[in-house]
Amino acid sequence: MSRTEELAEQLAERITAAGHGLILQVTTDPTLVKPSPGKVSVVIMPPDLAWNGWDALEPDVTFKLLAVAGTPNTNARGYDLIHQAMDILHLADVNMATATPVGFDLAGAGTLAAYEITLNPM
């Protein structure tokens, strides 16, 4: 297993453990997102990699999460749920740096409330 796979697995475990019943699913596959009333889905996106210098060091790994909630008709409530989930993740020491509202296009169902959360490098 590669370092990035190990980090993604550890991140998924931390998010799942912190979910408090609010986070329904944690996945690395955006096609598996299934909106559910009152719940948030978190997608761990492939990480950005940065090599700082010429030395044979492992790269910094920066993951982005996609937090998705609600339905096309309940986006306002979906954003509220995502804000609650981000508070929970912060309290669980998920190393969040920034969060940007982006929306999530669910094939054929419309756009759902979503945030892209950039983590600090690992």
PDB file of N, CA and C in Angstrom:
ATOM      1  N   MET A   1       0.848  -1.170   0.000  1.00  0.00           N
ATOM      2  CA  MET A   1       0.000   0.000   0.000  1.00  0.00           C
ATOM      3  C   MET A   1       0.897   1.239   0.000  1.00  0.00           C
ATOM      4  N   SER A   2       0.579   2.209  -0.851  1.00  0.00           N
ATOM      5  CA  SER A   2       1.385   3.423  -0.946  1.00  0.00           C
ATOM      6  C   SER A   2       1.110   4.356   0.235  1.00  0.00           C
ATOM      7  N   ARG A   3       1.973   5.316   0.401  1.00  0.00           N
ATOM      8  CA  ARG A   3       1.809   6.285   1.487  1.00  0.00           C
ATOM      9  C   ARG A   3       0.497   7.042   1.335  1.00  0.00           C
ATOM     10  N   THR A   4       0.171   7.452   0.112  1.00  0.00           N
ATOM     11  CA  THR A   4      -1.084   8.202  -0.077  1.00  0.00           C
ATOM     12  C   THR A   4      -2.297   7.325   0.227  1.00  0.00           C
ATOM     13  N   GLU A   5      -2.233   6.043  -0.120  1.00  0.00           N
ATOM     14  CA  GLU A   5      -3.335   5.139   0.211  1.00  0.00           C
ATOM     15  C   GLU A   5      -3.476   4.977   1.725  1.00  0.00           C
ATOM     16  N   GLU A   6      -2.343   4.871   2.405  1.00  0.00           N
ATOM     17  CA  GLU A   6      -2.378   4.748   3.864  1.00  0.00           C
ATOM     18  C   GLU A   6      -2.967   6.003   4.500  1.00  0.00           C
ATOM     19  N   LEU A   7      -2.530   7.171   4.014  1.00  0.00           N
ATOM     20  CA  LEU A   7      -3.051   8.425   4.557  1.00  0.00           C
ATOM     21  C   LEU A   7      -4.546   8.564   4.292  1.00  0.00           C
ATOM     22  N   ALA A   8      -4.990   8.181   3.093  1.00  0.00           N
ATOM     23  CA  ALA A   8      -6.417   8.254   2.772  1.00  0.00           C
ATOM     24  C   ALA A   8      -7.227   7.320   3.666  1.00  0.00           C
ATOM     25  N   GLU A   9      -6.696   6.142   3.921  1.00  0.00           N
ATOM     26  CA  GLU A   9      -7.377   5.181   4.789  1.00  0.00           C
ATOM     27  C   GLU A   9      -7.472   5.711   6.226  1.00  0.00           C
ATOM     28  N   GLN A  10      -6.371   6.273   6.725  1.00  0.00           N
ATOM     29  CA  GLN A  10      -6.380   6.852   8.070  1.00  0.00           C
ATOM     30  C   GLN A  10      -7.368   8.011   8.162  1.00  0.00           C
ATOM     31  N   LEU A  11      -7.402   8.833   7.127  1.00  0.00           N
ATOM     32  CA  LEU A  11      -8.324   9.961   7.089  1.00  0.00           C
ATOM     33  C   LEU A  11      -9.771   9.472   7.085  1.00  0.00           C
ATOM     34  N   ALA A  12     -10.061   8.468   6.283  1.00  0.00           N
ATOM     35  CA  ALA A  12     -11.415   7.906   6.233  1.00  0.00           C
ATOM     36  C   ALA A  12     -11.830   7.357   7.594  1.00  0.00           C
ATOM     37  N   GLU A  13     -10.905   6.673   8.271  1.00  0.00           N
ATOM     38  CA  GLU A  13     -11.200   6.122   9.593  1.00  0.00           C
ATOM     39  C   GLU A  13     -11.482   7.237  10.595  1.00  0.00           C
ATOM     40  N   ARG A  14     -10.697   8.310  10.550  1.00  0.00           N
ATOM     41  CA  ARG A  14     -10.894   9.428  11.478  1.00  0.00           C
ATOM     42  C   ARG A  14     -12.240  10.104  11.231  1.00  0.00           C
ATOM     43  N   ILE A  15     -12.582  10.321   9.965  1.00  0.00           N
ATOM     44  CA  ILE A  15     -13.857  10.974   9.635  1.00  0.00           C
ATOM     45  C   ILE A  15     -15.026  10.087  10.045  1.00  0.00           C
ATOM     46  N   THR A  16     -14.928   8.797   9.758  1.00  0.00           N
ATOM     47  CA  THR A  16     -15.998   7.859  10.118  1.00  0.00           C
ATOM     48  C   THR A  16     -16.203   7.833  11.629  1.00  0.00           C
ATOM     49  N   ALA A  17     -15.107   7.772  12.377  1.00  0.00           N
ATOM     50  CA  ALA A  17     -15.204   7.727  13.835  1.00  0.00           C
ATOM     51  C   ALA A  17     -15.781   9.014  14.404  1.00  0.00           C
ATOM     52  N   ALA A  18     -15.535  10.136  13.749  1.00  0.00           N
ATOM     53  CA  ALA A  18     -15.998  11.429  14.247  1.00  0.00           C
ATOM     54  C   ALA A  18     -17.430  11.738  13.840  1.00  0.00           C
ATOM     55  N   GLY A  19     -17.996  10.957  12.947  1.00  0.00           N
ATOM     56  CA  GLY A  19     -19.265  11.282  12.298  1.00  0.00           C
ATOM     57  C   GLY A  19     -20.448  11.571  13.178  1.00  0.00           C
ATOM     58  N   HIS A  20     -20.510  11.028  14.389  1.00  0.00           N
ATOM     59  CA  HIS A  20     -21.605  11.291  15.328  1.00  0.00           C
ATOM     60  C   HIS A  20     -22.986  11.074  14.711  1.00  0.00           C
ATOM     61  N   GLY A  21     -23.098  10.151  13.767  1.00  0.00           N
ATOM     62  CA  GLY A  21     -24.386   9.883  13.147  1.00  0.00           C
ATOM     63  C   GLY A  21     -24.776  10.886  12.071  1.00  0.00           C
ATOM     64  N   LEU A  22     -24.046  11.994  11.967  1.00  0.00           N
ATOM     65  CA  LEU A  22     -24.357  13.003  10.952  1.00  0.00           C
ATOM     66  C   LEU A  22     -23.734  12.639   9.606  1.00  0.00           C
ATOM     67  N   ILE A  23     -22.521  12.077   9.640  1.00  0.00           N
ATOM     68  CA  ILE A  23     -21.834  11.709   8.405  1.00  0.00           C
ATOM     69  C   ILE A  23     -22.236  10.289   8.050  1.00  0.00           C
ATOM     70  N   LEU A  24     -23.003  10.181   6.971  1.00  0.00           N
ATOM     71  CA  LEU A  24     -23.575   8.905   6.541  1.00  0.00           C
ATOM     72  C   LEU A  24     -22.535   7.999   5.906  1.00  0.00           C
ATOM     73  N   GLN A  25     -21.675   8.590   5.064  1.00  0.00           N
ATOM     74  CA  GLN A  25     -20.716   7.765   4.339  1.00  0.00           C
ATOM     75  C   GLN A  25     -19.439   8.546   4.087  1.00  0.00           C
ATOM     76  N   VAL A  26     -18.340   7.800   3.995  1.00  0.00           N
ATOM     77  CA  VAL A  26     -17.044   8.331   3.610  1.00  0.00           C
ATOM     78  C   VAL A  26     -16.562   7.438   2.481  1.00  0.00           C
ATOM     79  N   THR A  27     -16.235   8.042   1.340  1.00  0.00           N
ATOM     80  CA  THR A  27     -15.866   7.264   0.166  1.00  0.00           C
ATOM     81  C   THR A  27     -14.773   7.988  -0.616  1.00  0.00           C
ATOM     82  N   THR A  28     -14.111   7.270  -1.485  1.00  0.00           N
ATOM     83  CA  THR A  28     -13.170   7.882  -2.427  1.00  0.00           C
ATOM     84  C   THR A  28     -13.763   7.931  -3.829  1.00  0.00           C
ATOM     85  N   ASP A  29     -15.004   7.511  -3.971  1.00  0.00           N
ATOM     86  CA  ASP A  29     -15.663   7.449  -5.274  1.00  0.00           C
ATOM     87  C   ASP A  29     -16.890   8.368  -5.293  1.00  0.00           C
ATOM     88  N   PRO A  30     -16.810   9.515  -5.971  1.00  0.00           N
ATOM     89  CA  PRO A  30     -17.936  10.451  -6.000  1.00  0.00           C
ATOM     90  C   PRO A  30     -19.214   9.858  -6.585  1.00  0.00           C
ATOM     91  N   THR A  31     -19.108   8.821  -7.403  1.00  0.00           N
ATOM     92  CA  THR A  31     -20.314   8.226  -7.987  1.00  0.00           C
ATOM     93  C   THR A  31     -21.129   7.452  -6.955  1.00  0.00           C
ATOM     94  N   LEU A  32     -20.537   7.196  -5.796  1.00  0.00           N
ATOM     95  CA  LEU A  32     -21.239   6.450  -4.746  1.00  0.00           C
ATOM     96  C   LEU A  32     -22.020   7.347  -3.789  1.00  0.00           C
ATOM     97  N   VAL A  33     -21.943   8.671  -3.980  1.00  0.00           N
ATOM     98  CA  VAL A  33     -22.658   9.587  -3.090  1.00  0.00           C
ATOM     99  C   VAL A  33     -24.152   9.356  -3.223  1.00  0.00           C
ATOM    100  N   LYS A  34     -24.796   9.115  -2.081  1.00  0.00           N
ATOM    101  CA  LYS A  34     -26.234   8.892  -2.038  1.00  0.00           C
ATOM    102  C   LYS A  34     -26.835   9.863  -1.025  1.00  0.00           C
ATOM    103  N   PRO A  35     -27.508  10.916  -1.516  1.00  0.00           N
ATOM    104  CA  PRO A  35     -28.074  11.876  -0.579  1.00  0.00           C
ATOM    105  C   PRO A  35     -29.123  11.228   0.319  1.00  0.00           C
ATOM    106  N   SER A  36     -29.099  11.603   1.570  1.00  0.00           N
ATOM    107  CA  SER A  36     -30.046  11.082   2.541  1.00  0.00           C
ATOM    108  C   SER A  36     -30.461  12.239   3.442  1.00  0.00           C
ATOM    109  N   PRO A  37     -31.743  12.371   3.741  1.00  0.00           N
ATOM    110  CA  PRO A  37     -32.204  13.501   4.551  1.00  0.00           C
ATOM    111  C   PRO A  37     -31.479  13.572   5.895  1.00  0.00           C
ATOM    112  N   GLY A  38     -30.978  14.758   6.209  1.00  0.00           N
ATOM    113  CA  GLY A  38     -30.344  14.981   7.491  1.00  0.00           C
ATOM    114  C   GLY A  38     -28.953  14.405   7.637  1.00  0.00           C
ATOM    115  N   LYS A  39     -28.334  13.971   6.538  1.00  0.00           N
ATOM    116  CA  LYS A  39     -27.014  13.336   6.590  1.00  0.00           C
ATOM    117  C   LYS A  39     -26.053  14.014   5.620  1.00  0.00           C
ATOM    118  N   VAL A  40     -24.764  13.815   5.864  1.00  0.00           N
ATOM    119  CA  VAL A  40     -23.703  14.363   5.022  1.00  0.00           C
ATOM    120  C   VAL A  40     -22.871  13.205   4.484  1.00  0.00           C
ATOM    121  N   SER A  41     -22.508  13.285   3.219  1.00  0.00           N
ATOM    122  CA  SER A  41     -21.569  12.339   2.609  1.00  0.00           C
ATOM    123  C   SER A  41     -20.240  13.056   2.415  1.00  0.00           C
ATOM    124  N   VAL A  42     -19.139  12.357   2.658  1.00  0.00           N
ATOM    125  CA  VAL A  42     -17.813  12.936   2.482  1.00  0.00           C
ATOM    126  C   VAL A  42     -17.046  12.103   1.461  1.00  0.00           C
ATOM    127  N   VAL A  43     -16.532  12.783   0.440  1.00  0.00           N
ATOM    128  CA  VAL A  43     -15.713  12.139  -0.587  1.00  0.00           C
ATOM    129  C   VAL A  43     -14.270  12.590  -0.374  1.00  0.00           C
ATOM    130  N   ILE A  44     -13.362  11.647  -0.248  1.00  0.00           N
ATOM    131  CA  ILE A  44     -11.936  11.951  -0.176  1.00  0.00           C
ATOM    132  C   ILE A  44     -11.415  11.943  -1.606  1.00  0.00           C
ATOM    133  N   MET A  45     -11.022  13.120  -2.079  1.00  0.00           N
ATOM    134  CA  MET A  45     -10.557  13.258  -3.453  1.00  0.00           C
ATOM    135  C   MET A  45      -9.075  12.873  -3.540  1.00  0.00           C
ATOM    136  N   PRO A  46      -8.586  12.531  -4.748  1.00  0.00           N
ATOM    137  CA  PRO A  46      -7.154  12.231  -4.893  1.00  0.00           C
ATOM    138  C   PRO A  46      -6.333  13.443  -4.440  1.00  0.00           C
ATOM    139  N   PRO A  47      -5.226  13.197  -3.750  1.00  0.00           N
ATOM    140  CA  PRO A  47      -4.473  14.316  -3.161  1.00  0.00           C
ATOM    141  C   PRO A  47      -3.597  15.060  -4.162  1.00  0.00           C
ATOM    142  N   ASP A  48      -3.308  16.323  -3.805  1.00  0.00           N
ATOM    143  CA  ASP A  48      -2.256  17.071  -4.483  1.00  0.00           C
ATOM    144  C   ASP A  48      -0.941  16.648  -3.842  1.00  0.00           C
ATOM    145  N   LEU A  49       0.121  16.564  -4.641  1.00  0.00           N
ATOM    146  CA  LEU A  49       1.448  16.201  -4.145  1.00  0.00           C
ATOM    147  C   LEU A  49       2.401  17.344  -4.438  1.00  0.00           C
ATOM    148  N   ALA A  50       3.290  17.641  -3.474  1.00  0.00           N
ATOM    149  CA  ALA A  50       4.275  18.712  -3.675  1.00  0.00           C
ATOM    150  C   ALA A  50       5.627  18.251  -3.158  1.00  0.00           C
ATOM    151  N   TRP A  51       6.615  18.338  -4.022  1.00  0.00           N
ATOM    152  CA  TRP A  51       7.984  18.003  -3.632  1.00  0.00           C
ATOM    153  C   TRP A  51       8.704  19.311  -3.356  1.00  0.00           C
ATOM    154  N   ASN A  52       9.210  19.447  -2.157  1.00  0.00           N
ATOM    155  CA  ASN A  52       9.866  20.690  -1.744  1.00  0.00           C
ATOM    156  C   ASN A  52      11.371  20.508  -1.770  1.00  0.00           C
ATOM    157  N   GLY A  53      11.946  20.657  -2.933  1.00  0.00           N
ATOM    158  CA  GLY A  53      13.396  20.540  -3.068  1.00  0.00           C
ATOM    159  C   GLY A  53      13.786  19.345  -3.900  1.00  0.00           C
ATOM    160  N   TRP A  54      15.100  19.184  -4.031  1.00  0.00           N
ATOM    161  CA  TRP A  54      15.646  18.135  -4.882  1.00  0.00           C
ATOM    162  C   TRP A  54      15.961  16.858  -4.122  1.00  0.00           C
ATOM    163  N   ASP A  55      15.927  16.932  -2.807  1.00  0.00           N
ATOM    164  CA  ASP A  55      16.251  15.750  -2.012  1.00  0.00           C
ATOM    165  C   ASP A  55      15.234  14.641  -2.260  1.00  0.00           C
ATOM    166  N   ALA A  56      15.663  13.431  -1.982  1.00  0.00           N
ATOM    167  CA  ALA A  56      14.780  12.265  -2.186  1.00  0.00           C
ATOM    168  C   ALA A  56      13.831  12.124  -0.993  1.00  0.00           C
ATOM    169  N   LEU A  57      13.048  13.151  -0.752  1.00  0.00           N
ATOM    170  CA  LEU A  57      12.078  13.140   0.333  1.00  0.00           C
ATOM    171  C   LEU A  57      10.698  12.798  -0.213  1.00  0.00           C
ATOM    172  N   GLU A  58       9.872  12.273   0.670  1.00  0.00           N
ATOM    173  CA  GLU A  58       8.496  12.016   0.243  1.00  0.00           C
ATOM    174  C   GLU A  58       7.776  13.348   0.072  1.00  0.00           C
ATOM    175  N   PRO A  59       6.837  13.420  -0.854  1.00  0.00           N
ATOM    176  CA  PRO A  59       6.142  14.684  -1.088  1.00  0.00           C
ATOM    177  C   PRO A  59       5.159  15.020   0.037  1.00  0.00           C
ATOM    178  N   ASP A  60       4.852  16.312   0.154  1.00  0.00           N
ATOM    179  CA  ASP A  60       3.741  16.721   1.000  1.00  0.00           C
ATOM    180  C   ASP A  60       2.469  16.253   0.304  1.00  0.00           C
ATOM    181  N   VAL A  61       1.546  15.751   1.073  1.00  0.00           N
ATOM    182  CA  VAL A  61       0.287  15.228   0.537  1.00  0.00           C
ATOM    183  C   VAL A  61      -0.830  16.118   1.057  1.00  0.00           C
ATOM    184  N   THR A  62      -1.599  16.708   0.133  1.00  0.00           N
ATOM    185  CA  THR A  62      -2.694  17.603   0.518  1.00  0.00           C
ATOM    186  C   THR A  62      -3.996  17.049  -0.049  1.00  0.00           C
ATOM    187  N   PHE A  63      -4.844  16.558   0.854  1.00  0.00           N
ATOM    188  CA  PHE A  63      -6.132  16.018   0.435  1.00  0.00           C
ATOM    189  C   PHE A  63      -7.183  17.111   0.368  1.00  0.00           C
ATOM    190  N   LYS A  64      -8.156  16.882  -0.488  1.00  0.00           N
ATOM    191  CA  LYS A  64      -9.361  17.694  -0.522  1.00  0.00           C
ATOM    192  C   LYS A  64     -10.534  16.760  -0.249  1.00  0.00           C
ATOM    193  N   LEU A  65     -11.447  17.257   0.561  1.00  0.00           N
ATOM    194  CA  LEU A  65     -12.677  16.529   0.848  1.00  0.00           C
ATOM    195  C   LEU A  65     -13.819  17.240   0.157  1.00  0.00           C
ATOM    196  N   LEU A  66     -14.802  16.489  -0.244  1.00  0.00           N
ATOM    197  CA  LEU A  66     -16.030  17.055  -0.775  1.00  0.00           C
ATOM    198  C   LEU A  66     -17.138  16.621   0.175  1.00  0.00           C
ATOM    199  N   ALA A  67     -17.709  17.588   0.888  1.00  0.00           N
ATOM    200  CA  ALA A  67     -18.815  17.301   1.803  1.00  0.00           C
ATOM    201  C   ALA A  67     -20.109  17.654   1.084  1.00  0.00           C
ATOM    202  N   VAL A  68     -21.023  16.685   0.986  1.00  0.00           N
ATOM    203  CA  VAL A  68     -22.258  16.834   0.204  1.00  0.00           C
ATOM    204  C   VAL A  68     -23.448  16.529   1.102  1.00  0.00           C
ATOM    205  N   ALA A  69     -24.515  17.345   0.965  1.00  0.00           N
ATOM    206  CA  ALA A  69     -25.708  17.106   1.777  1.00  0.00           C
ATOM    207  C   ALA A  69     -26.946  17.650   1.077  1.00  0.00           C
ATOM    208  N   GLY A  70     -28.093  17.153   1.517  1.00  0.00           N
ATOM    209  CA  GLY A  70     -29.369  17.666   1.042  1.00  0.00           C
ATOM    210  C   GLY A  70     -29.797  17.119  -0.300  1.00  0.00           C
ATOM    211  N   THR A  71     -30.778  17.796  -0.860  1.00  0.00           N
ATOM    212  CA  THR A  71     -31.308  17.495  -2.182  1.00  0.00           C
ATOM    213  C   THR A  71     -31.366  18.811  -2.939  1.00  0.00           C
ATOM    214  N   PRO A  72     -31.621  18.777  -4.241  1.00  0.00           N
ATOM    215  CA  PRO A  72     -31.723  20.046  -4.974  1.00  0.00           C
ATOM    216  C   PRO A  72     -32.770  20.998  -4.378  1.00  0.00           C
ATOM    217  N   ASN A  73     -33.778  20.465  -3.703  1.00  0.00           N
ATOM    218  CA  ASN A  73     -34.827  21.309  -3.121  1.00  0.00           C
ATOM    219  C   ASN A  73     -34.527  21.744  -1.699  1.00  0.00           C
ATOM    220  N   THR A  74     -33.453  21.213  -1.088  1.00  0.00           N
ATOM    221  CA  THR A  74     -33.151  21.538   0.305  1.00  0.00           C
ATOM    222  C   THR A  74     -31.714  22.004   0.481  1.00  0.00           C
ATOM    223  N   ASN A  75     -31.203  22.789  -0.472  1.00  0.00           N
ATOM    224  CA  ASN A  75     -29.804  23.208  -0.405  1.00  0.00           C
ATOM    225  C   ASN A  75     -29.483  24.026   0.835  1.00  0.00           C
ATOM    226  N   ALA A  76     -30.384  24.913   1.259  1.00  0.00           N
ATOM    227  CA  ALA A  76     -30.097  25.730   2.442  1.00  0.00           C
ATOM    228  C   ALA A  76     -29.874  24.835   3.652  1.00  0.00           C
ATOM    229  N   ARG A  77     -30.725  23.862   3.850  1.00  0.00           N
ATOM    230  CA  ARG A  77     -30.573  22.912   4.955  1.00  0.00           C
ATOM    231  C   ARG A  77     -29.307  22.074   4.763  1.00  0.00           C
ATOM    232  N   GLY A  78     -29.007  21.738   3.524  1.00  0.00           N
ATOM    233  CA  GLY A  78     -27.794  20.979   3.238  1.00  0.00           C
ATOM    234  C   GLY A  78     -26.539  21.718   3.677  1.00  0.00           C
ATOM    235  N   TYR A  79     -26.473  23.024   3.405  1.00  0.00           N
ATOM    236  CA  TYR A  79     -25.308  23.801   3.836  1.00  0.00           C
ATOM    237  C   TYR A  79     -25.212  23.842   5.360  1.00  0.00           C
ATOM    238  N   ASP A  80     -26.353  23.956   6.041  1.00  0.00           N
ATOM    239  CA  ASP A  80     -26.345  23.918   7.510  1.00  0.00           C
ATOM    240  C   ASP A  80     -25.763  22.598   8.017  1.00  0.00           C
ATOM    241  N   LEU A  81     -26.174  21.491   7.398  1.00  0.00           N
ATOM    242  CA  LEU A  81     -25.656  20.176   7.798  1.00  0.00           C
ATOM    243  C   LEU A  81     -24.152  20.072   7.564  1.00  0.00           C
ATOM    244  N   ILE A  82     -23.696  20.598   6.438  1.00  0.00           N
ATOM    245  CA  ILE A  82     -22.259  20.558   6.136  1.00  0.00           C
ATOM    246  C   ILE A  82     -21.487  21.388   7.149  1.00  0.00           C
ATOM    247  N   HIS A  83     -22.016  22.552   7.532  1.00  0.00           N
ATOM    248  CA  HIS A  83     -21.347  23.375   8.548  1.00  0.00           C
ATOM    249  C   HIS A  83     -21.225  22.606   9.861  1.00  0.00           C
ATOM    250  N   GLN A  84     -22.286  21.896  10.243  1.00  0.00           N
ATOM    251  CA  GLN A  84     -22.230  21.078  11.461  1.00  0.00           C
ATOM    252  C   GLN A  84     -21.163  19.981  11.330  1.00  0.00           C
ATOM    253  N   ALA A  85     -21.133  19.359  10.153  1.00  0.00           N
ATOM    254  CA  ALA A  85     -20.143  18.298   9.927  1.00  0.00           C
ATOM    255  C   ALA A  85     -18.721  18.856   9.984  1.00  0.00           C
ATOM    256  N   MET A  86     -18.503  20.046   9.434  1.00  0.00           N
ATOM    257  CA  MET A  86     -17.164  20.639   9.491  1.00  0.00           C
ATOM    258  C   MET A  86     -16.772  20.952  10.930  1.00  0.00           C
ATOM    259  N   ASP A  87     -17.714  21.398  11.748  1.00  0.00           N
ATOM    260  CA  ASP A  87     -17.418  21.616  13.170  1.00  0.00           C
ATOM    261  C   ASP A  87     -17.000  20.310  13.834  1.00  0.00           C
ATOM    262  N   ILE A  88     -17.715  19.238  13.533  1.00  0.00           N
ATOM    263  CA  ILE A  88     -17.387  17.923  14.091  1.00  0.00           C
ATOM    264  C   ILE A  88     -15.996  17.476  13.640  1.00  0.00           C
ATOM    265  N   LEU A  89     -15.681  17.665  12.358  1.00  0.00           N
ATOM    266  CA  LEU A  89     -14.370  17.273  11.842  1.00  0.00           C
ATOM    267  C   LEU A  89     -13.264  18.089  12.500  1.00  0.00           C
ATOM    268  N   HIS A  90     -13.523  19.373  12.695  1.00  0.00           N
ATOM    269  CA  HIS A  90     -12.521  20.230  13.346  1.00  0.00           C
ATOM    270  C   HIS A  90     -12.255  19.745  14.774  1.00  0.00           C
ATOM    271  N   LEU A  91     -13.307  19.417  15.502  1.00  0.00           N
ATOM    272  CA  LEU A  91     -13.147  18.923  16.866  1.00  0.00           C
ATOM    273  C   LEU A  91     -12.440  17.567  16.911  1.00  0.00           C
ATOM    274  N   ALA A  92     -12.523  16.816  15.810  1.00  0.00           N
ATOM    275  CA  ALA A  92     -11.860  15.509  15.725  1.00  0.00           C
ATOM    276  C   ALA A  92     -10.433  15.632  15.182  1.00  0.00           C
ATOM    277  N   ASP A  93      -9.927  16.862  15.103  1.00  0.00           N
ATOM    278  CA  ASP A  93      -8.558  17.133  14.648  1.00  0.00           C
ATOM    279  C   ASP A  93      -8.295  16.739  13.198  1.00  0.00           C
ATOM    280  N   VAL A  94      -9.317  16.813  12.352  1.00  0.00           N
ATOM    281  CA  VAL A  94      -9.075  16.702  10.911  1.00  0.00           C
ATOM    282  C   VAL A  94      -8.456  18.037  10.515  1.00  0.00           C
ATOM    283  N   ASN A  95      -7.295  18.009   9.890  1.00  0.00           N
ATOM    284  CA  ASN A  95      -6.473  19.207   9.692  1.00  0.00           C
ATOM    285  C   ASN A  95      -6.955  20.097   8.544  1.00  0.00           C
ATOM    286  N   MET A  96      -8.157  20.644   8.696  1.00  0.00           N
ATOM    287  CA  MET A  96      -8.761  21.475   7.650  1.00  0.00           C
ATOM    288  C   MET A  96      -8.060  22.829   7.558  1.00  0.00           C
ATOM    289  N   ALA A  97      -7.880  23.315   6.329  1.00  0.00           N
ATOM    290  CA  ALA A  97      -7.285  24.626   6.093  1.00  0.00           C
ATOM    291  C   ALA A  97      -8.334  25.612   5.585  1.00  0.00           C
ATOM    292  N   THR A  98      -9.064  25.225   4.524  1.00  0.00           N
ATOM    293  CA  THR A  98     -10.083  26.105   3.945  1.00  0.00           C
ATOM    294  C   THR A  98     -11.272  25.275   3.479  1.00  0.00           C
ATOM    295  N   ALA A  99     -12.406  25.963   3.332  1.00  0.00           N
ATOM    296  CA  ALA A  99     -13.609  25.317   2.792  1.00  0.00           C
ATOM    297  C   ALA A  99     -14.296  26.313   1.858  1.00  0.00           C
ATOM    298  N   THR A 100     -14.645  25.832   0.674  1.00  0.00           N
ATOM    299  CA  THR A 100     -15.249  26.675  -0.347  1.00  0.00           C
ATOM    300  C   THR A 100     -16.542  26.029  -0.841  1.00  0.00           C
ATOM    301  N   PRO A 101     -17.659  26.771  -0.868  1.00  0.00           N
ATOM    302  CA  PRO A 101     -18.881  26.184  -1.408  1.00  0.00           C
ATOM    303  C   PRO A 101     -18.735  25.941  -2.913  1.00  0.00           C
ATOM    304  N   VAL A 102     -19.102  24.736  -3.348  1.00  0.00           N
ATOM    305  CA  VAL A 102     -18.906  24.384  -4.753  1.00  0.00           C
ATOM    306  C   VAL A 102     -20.135  23.782  -5.423  1.00  0.00           C
ATOM    307  N   GLY A 103     -21.034  23.198  -4.686  1.00  0.00           N
ATOM    308  CA  GLY A 103     -22.137  22.457  -5.299  1.00  0.00           C
ATOM    309  C   GLY A 103     -21.641  21.116  -5.813  1.00  0.00           C
ATOM    310  N   PHE A 104     -22.546  20.172  -5.938  1.00  0.00           N
ATOM    311  CA  PHE A 104     -22.202  18.826  -6.410  1.00  0.00           C
ATOM    312  C   PHE A 104     -23.307  18.378  -7.342  1.00  0.00           C
ATOM    313  N   ASP A 105     -22.953  18.103  -8.593  1.00  0.00           N
ATOM    314  CA  ASP A 105     -23.933  17.691  -9.589  1.00  0.00           C
ATOM    315  C   ASP A 105     -24.146  16.189  -9.492  1.00  0.00           C
ATOM    316  N   LEU A 106     -25.312  15.819  -8.993  1.00  0.00           N
ATOM    317  CA  LEU A 106     -25.664  14.410  -8.894  1.00  0.00           C
ATOM    318  C   LEU A 106     -26.362  14.023 -10.187  1.00  0.00           C
ATOM    319  N   ALA A 107     -25.775  13.121 -10.923  1.00  0.00           N
ATOM    320  CA  ALA A 107     -26.234  12.746 -12.255  1.00  0.00           C
ATOM    321  C   ALA A 107     -27.754  12.653 -12.350  1.00  0.00           C
ATOM    322  N   GLY A 108     -28.330  13.546 -13.105  1.00  0.00           N
ATOM    323  CA  GLY A 108     -29.764  13.516 -13.371  1.00  0.00           C
ATOM    324  C   GLY A 108     -30.649  14.020 -12.252  1.00  0.00           C
ATOM    325  N   ALA A 109     -30.089  14.338 -11.083  1.00  0.00           N
ATOM    326  CA  ALA A 109     -30.923  14.754  -9.952  1.00  0.00           C
ATOM    327  C   ALA A 109     -30.777  16.226  -9.619  1.00  0.00           C
ATOM    328  N   GLY A 110     -29.814  16.898 -10.209  1.00  0.00           N
ATOM    329  CA  GLY A 110     -29.609  18.313  -9.927  1.00  0.00           C
ATOM    330  C   GLY A 110     -28.373  18.542  -9.076  1.00  0.00           C
ATOM    331  N   THR A 111     -28.226  19.789  -8.637  1.00  0.00           N
ATOM    332  CA  THR A 111     -27.052  20.186  -7.871  1.00  0.00           C
ATOM    333  C   THR A 111     -27.363  20.181  -6.381  1.00  0.00           C
ATOM    334  N   LEU A 112     -26.512  19.519  -5.623  1.00  0.00           N
ATOM    335  CA  LEU A 112     -26.661  19.422  -4.179  1.00  0.00           C
ATOM    336  C   LEU A 112     -25.706  20.401  -3.492  1.00  0.00           C
ATOM    337  N   ALA A 113     -26.036  20.768  -2.263  1.00  0.00           N
ATOM    338  CA  ALA A 113     -25.148  21.593  -1.463  1.00  0.00           C
ATOM    339  C   ALA A 113     -23.842  20.837  -1.231  1.00  0.00           C
ATOM    340  N   ALA A 114     -22.719  21.528  -1.387  1.00  0.00           N
ATOM    341  CA  ALA A 114     -21.423  20.887  -1.188  1.00  0.00           C
ATOM    342  C   ALA A 114     -20.358  21.924  -0.873  1.00  0.00           C
ATOM    343  N   TYR A 115     -19.358  21.482  -0.147  1.00  0.00           N
ATOM    344  CA  TYR A 115     -18.153  22.274   0.122  1.00  0.00           C
ATOM    345  C   TYR A 115     -16.948  21.457  -0.268  1.00  0.00           C
ATOM    346  N   GLU A 116     -15.963  22.116  -0.877  1.00  0.00           N
ATOM    347  CA  GLU A 116     -14.664  21.499  -1.086  1.00  0.00           C
ATOM    348  C   GLU A 116     -13.788  21.954   0.073  1.00  0.00           C
ATOM    349  N   ILE A 117     -13.311  21.003   0.861  1.00  0.00           N
ATOM    350  CA  ILE A 117     -12.507  21.288   2.042  1.00  0.00           C
ATOM    351  C   ILE A 117     -11.070  20.894   1.741  1.00  0.00           C
ATOM    352  N   THR A 118     -10.177  21.868   1.777  1.00  0.00           N
ATOM    353  CA  THR A 118      -8.761  21.592   1.562  1.00  0.00           C
ATOM    354  C   THR A 118      -8.108  21.396   2.924  1.00  0.00           C
ATOM    355  N   LEU A 119      -7.396  20.290   3.063  1.00  0.00           N
ATOM    356  CA  LEU A 119      -6.695  20.003   4.304  1.00  0.00           C
ATOM    357  C   LEU A 119      -5.290  20.589   4.245  1.00  0.00           C
ATOM    358  N   ASN A 120      -4.684  20.748   5.400  1.00  0.00           N
ATOM    359  CA  ASN A 120      -3.267  21.155   5.447  1.00  0.00           C
ATOM    360  C   ASN A 120      -2.421  19.976   4.972  1.00  0.00           C
ATOM    361  N   PRO A 121      -1.234  20.255   4.428  1.00  0.00           N
ATOM    362  CA  PRO A 121      -0.377  19.169   3.956  1.00  0.00           C
ATOM    363  C   PRO A 121      -0.041  18.173   5.064  1.00  0.00           C
ATOM    364  N   MET A 122       0.082  16.910   4.658  1.00  0.00           N
ATOM    365  CA  MET A 122       0.415  15.849   5.600  1.00  0.00           C
ATOM    366  C   MET A 122       1.820  15.356   5.296  1.00  0.00           C
TER     367      MET A 122
END
